[in-house]
Amino acid sequence: MSPSNITSSQPLKINLSGRSCFIRLIKSIAEAEGNYANIRRLTRLLELLLELFEDYRAPPNSPSHTTSEQVLEFIKQNYRGRLTLDMISGAVNVSKFHLCRVFKQDTHMTITEYIIQYRLAEVKKRLIDTNESIADIAADTGFETYTYFCTLFHRLEGMSPSEYRQARRK
């Protein structure tokens, strides 16, 4: 849920245990002297706020796509550009931690692994079906450097992109 979806007519409801935990954390942060203790308390406070925010989402009658399905669609639409966990989690309105856990549980791979797999599938189609330069294909499918692309392709496919193109076109 983006902040623009929250209105003053939607009161934030915190259950009693959440409220008391929230108050305890605020008080202990205000009273604490050690930096590490403060950092731990602030971290716990942020975790609590994330849990509250994830519970405070759009009503159940909103479009029902699972988080992983939304991520897959977002990657499909945006794989050509730079993708970060922050961008993806923002697009599907969940925390990065929740996003990574759910995606891995549903797909048995990390988001980064999936992005690489998706991009390489697109690269392989274009290597076979077009005469575009390998550098142009790599850049257009979201690989930021040609060197990284070639190294990754060789490691995963066991051959260079040009060898792959030649082998598949015979």
Protein backbone atom coordinates (compact mmCIF):
# COMPACT_ATOMS: atom_id res chain seq x y z
CA MET A 1 0.00 0.00 0.00
CA SER A 2 1.45 3.33 -0.94
CA PRO A 3 1.22 6.29 1.41
CA SER A 4 -1.21 7.95 -1.03
CA ASN A 5 -3.72 5.17 -0.30
CA ILE A 6 -3.82 6.03 3.39
CA THR A 7 -6.34 8.66 4.34
CA SER A 8 -7.23 10.31 7.60
CA SER A 9 -10.56 8.46 7.49
CA GLN A 10 -8.65 5.19 7.88
CA PRO A 11 -7.54 5.03 11.50
CA LEU A 12 -4.53 2.85 12.20
CA LYS A 13 -5.58 0.12 14.59
CA ILE A 14 -2.95 -1.37 16.85
CA ASN A 15 -3.85 -4.33 19.03
CA LEU A 16 -3.16 -4.11 22.77
CA SER A 17 0.04 -6.16 22.72
CA GLY A 18 1.36 -4.17 19.75
CA ARG A 19 0.49 -0.90 21.46
CA SER A 20 2.22 -1.87 24.72
CA CYS A 21 5.29 -3.12 22.84
CA PHE A 22 5.37 0.11 20.83
CA ILE A 23 5.16 2.25 23.99
CA ARG A 24 7.85 0.17 25.77
CA LEU A 25 10.19 0.54 22.81
CA ILE A 26 9.68 4.29 22.56
CA LYS A 27 10.29 4.72 26.30
CA SER A 28 13.40 2.52 26.29
CA ILE A 29 14.83 4.37 23.29
CA ALA A 30 14.27 7.69 25.05
CA GLU A 31 15.91 6.43 28.27
CA ALA A 32 18.80 4.39 26.81
CA GLU A 33 22.36 5.65 26.81
CA GLY A 34 24.30 3.01 24.81
CA ASN A 35 24.40 3.34 21.03
CA TYR A 36 24.17 -0.41 20.38
CA ALA A 37 21.17 -0.73 22.67
CA ASN A 38 19.50 2.12 20.80
CA ILE A 39 20.21 0.54 17.46
CA ARG A 40 18.71 -2.78 18.60
CA ARG A 41 15.63 -1.02 19.95
CA LEU A 42 15.23 1.06 16.81
CA THR A 43 15.58 -2.07 14.71
CA ARG A 44 12.87 -3.80 16.72
CA LEU A 45 10.69 -0.69 16.42
CA LEU A 46 11.11 -0.70 12.64
CA GLU A 47 10.28 -4.42 12.49
CA LEU A 48 7.13 -3.77 14.51
CA LEU A 49 6.15 -0.87 12.26
CA LEU A 50 6.71 -3.04 9.18
CA GLU A 51 4.46 -5.73 10.62
CA LEU A 52 1.78 -3.14 11.36
CA PHE A 53 2.08 -1.62 7.91
CA GLU A 54 1.82 -5.03 6.21
CA ASP A 55 -1.35 -5.72 8.19
CA TYR A 56 -2.74 -2.31 7.16
CA ARG A 57 -3.15 -2.86 3.45
CA ALA A 58 -5.82 -2.37 0.86
CA PRO A 59 -9.20 -3.95 1.61
CA PRO A 60 -9.80 -7.60 0.66
CA ASN A 61 -11.93 -6.62 -2.37
CA SER A 62 -8.86 -5.24 -4.20
CA PRO A 63 -7.43 -7.27 -7.12
CA SER A 64 -6.24 -10.61 -5.80
CA HIS A 65 -2.83 -11.45 -7.15
CA THR A 66 -0.35 -13.11 -4.89
CA THR A 67 2.80 -11.21 -4.06
CA SER A 68 4.90 -13.58 -6.16
CA GLU A 69 2.60 -13.22 -9.17
CA GLN A 70 2.87 -9.44 -8.87
CA VAL A 71 6.67 -9.70 -8.69
CA LEU A 72 6.81 -11.95 -11.77
CA GLU A 73 4.66 -9.48 -13.71
CA PHE A 74 6.75 -6.51 -12.53
CA ILE A 75 9.96 -8.23 -13.64
CA LYS A 76 8.41 -9.14 -16.99
CA GLN A 77 7.47 -5.50 -17.57
CA ASN A 78 10.73 -3.98 -16.27
CA TYR A 79 13.56 -6.49 -16.85
CA ARG A 80 15.26 -4.26 -19.40
CA GLY A 81 16.15 -1.66 -16.79
CA ARG A 82 17.89 -1.68 -13.46
CA LEU A 83 15.90 -3.66 -10.88
CA THR A 84 16.45 -3.44 -7.13
CA LEU A 85 14.69 -5.05 -4.20
CA ASP A 86 13.60 -1.59 -3.09
CA MET A 87 11.91 -0.96 -6.45
CA ILE A 88 10.21 -4.35 -6.52
CA SER A 89 9.04 -4.27 -2.90
CA GLY A 90 7.70 -0.76 -3.46
CA ALA A 91 5.80 -1.90 -6.55
CA VAL A 92 4.06 -4.73 -4.68
CA ASN A 93 3.70 -2.84 -1.38
CA VAL A 94 5.48 -5.23 0.97
CA SER A 95 8.75 -5.07 2.88
CA LYS A 96 11.91 -6.38 1.22
CA PHE A 97 12.23 -9.05 3.89
CA HIS A 98 8.68 -10.33 3.43
CA LEU A 99 9.06 -10.15 -0.35
CA CYS A 100 12.25 -12.24 -0.40
CA ARG A 101 10.81 -14.84 1.97
CA VAL A 102 7.52 -15.26 0.09
CA PHE A 103 9.13 -15.27 -3.37
CA LYS A 104 11.69 -17.90 -2.38
CA GLN A 105 8.96 -20.02 -0.78
CA ASP A 106 6.78 -19.84 -3.91
CA THR A 107 9.43 -20.15 -6.64
CA HIS A 108 12.31 -21.95 -4.89
CA MET A 109 14.72 -19.28 -6.11
CA THR A 110 15.75 -15.81 -5.05
CA ILE A 111 14.49 -12.75 -6.87
CA THR A 112 17.99 -12.09 -8.22
CA GLU A 113 18.24 -15.65 -9.54
CA TYR A 114 14.86 -15.28 -11.24
CA ILE A 115 15.79 -11.93 -12.82
CA ILE A 116 19.00 -13.43 -14.23
CA GLN A 117 17.12 -16.50 -15.49
CA TYR A 118 14.44 -14.34 -17.13
CA ARG A 119 16.97 -12.02 -18.76
CA LEU A 120 19.04 -14.94 -20.07
CA ALA A 121 15.95 -16.57 -21.57
CA GLU A 122 15.25 -13.33 -23.45
CA VAL A 123 18.89 -13.09 -24.54
CA LYS A 124 18.87 -16.66 -25.87
CA LYS A 125 15.71 -16.05 -27.92
CA ARG A 126 17.24 -12.96 -29.48
CA LEU A 127 20.59 -14.63 -30.13
CA ILE A 128 18.79 -17.25 -32.21
CA ASP A 129 16.08 -15.11 -33.82
CA THR A 130 17.91 -11.86 -34.64
CA ASN A 131 21.16 -10.56 -36.05
CA GLU A 132 21.49 -7.90 -33.35
CA SER A 133 24.93 -7.49 -31.87
CA ILE A 134 25.51 -9.39 -28.66
CA ALA A 135 26.46 -6.16 -26.89
CA ASP A 136 23.14 -4.54 -27.91
CA ILE A 137 21.16 -7.58 -26.77
CA ALA A 138 22.96 -7.62 -23.43
CA ALA A 139 22.36 -3.91 -22.84
CA ASP A 140 18.71 -4.11 -23.92
CA THR A 141 17.98 -7.00 -21.56
CA GLY A 142 19.19 -5.22 -18.45
CA PHE A 143 22.80 -6.31 -18.12
CA GLU A 144 24.71 -3.24 -16.98
CA THR A 145 28.12 -4.27 -18.33
CA TYR A 146 29.04 -6.41 -21.30
CA THR A 147 31.87 -8.08 -19.38
CA TYR A 148 29.56 -9.18 -16.56
CA PHE A 149 27.02 -10.45 -19.10
CA CYS A 150 29.61 -12.54 -20.99
CA THR A 151 31.08 -13.97 -17.80
CA LEU A 152 27.64 -14.88 -16.43
CA PHE A 153 26.46 -16.34 -19.74
CA HIS A 154 29.55 -18.53 -20.06
CA ARG A 155 29.31 -19.70 -16.45
CA LEU A 156 25.63 -20.67 -16.77
CA GLU A 157 25.54 -21.94 -20.36
CA GLY A 158 29.04 -23.40 -20.65
CA MET A 159 29.83 -21.37 -23.78
CA SER A 160 30.10 -17.78 -24.91
CA PRO A 161 27.05 -15.97 -26.36
CA SER A 162 28.56 -16.08 -29.86
CA GLU A 163 29.22 -19.84 -29.55
CA TYR A 164 25.62 -20.29 -28.36
CA ARG A 165 24.32 -18.33 -31.36
CA GLN A 166 26.39 -20.37 -33.82
CA ALA A 167 25.46 -23.72 -32.24
CA ARG A 168 21.72 -22.97 -32.26
CA ARG A 169 21.60 -21.61 -35.81
CA LYS A 170 23.12 -24.69 -37.48
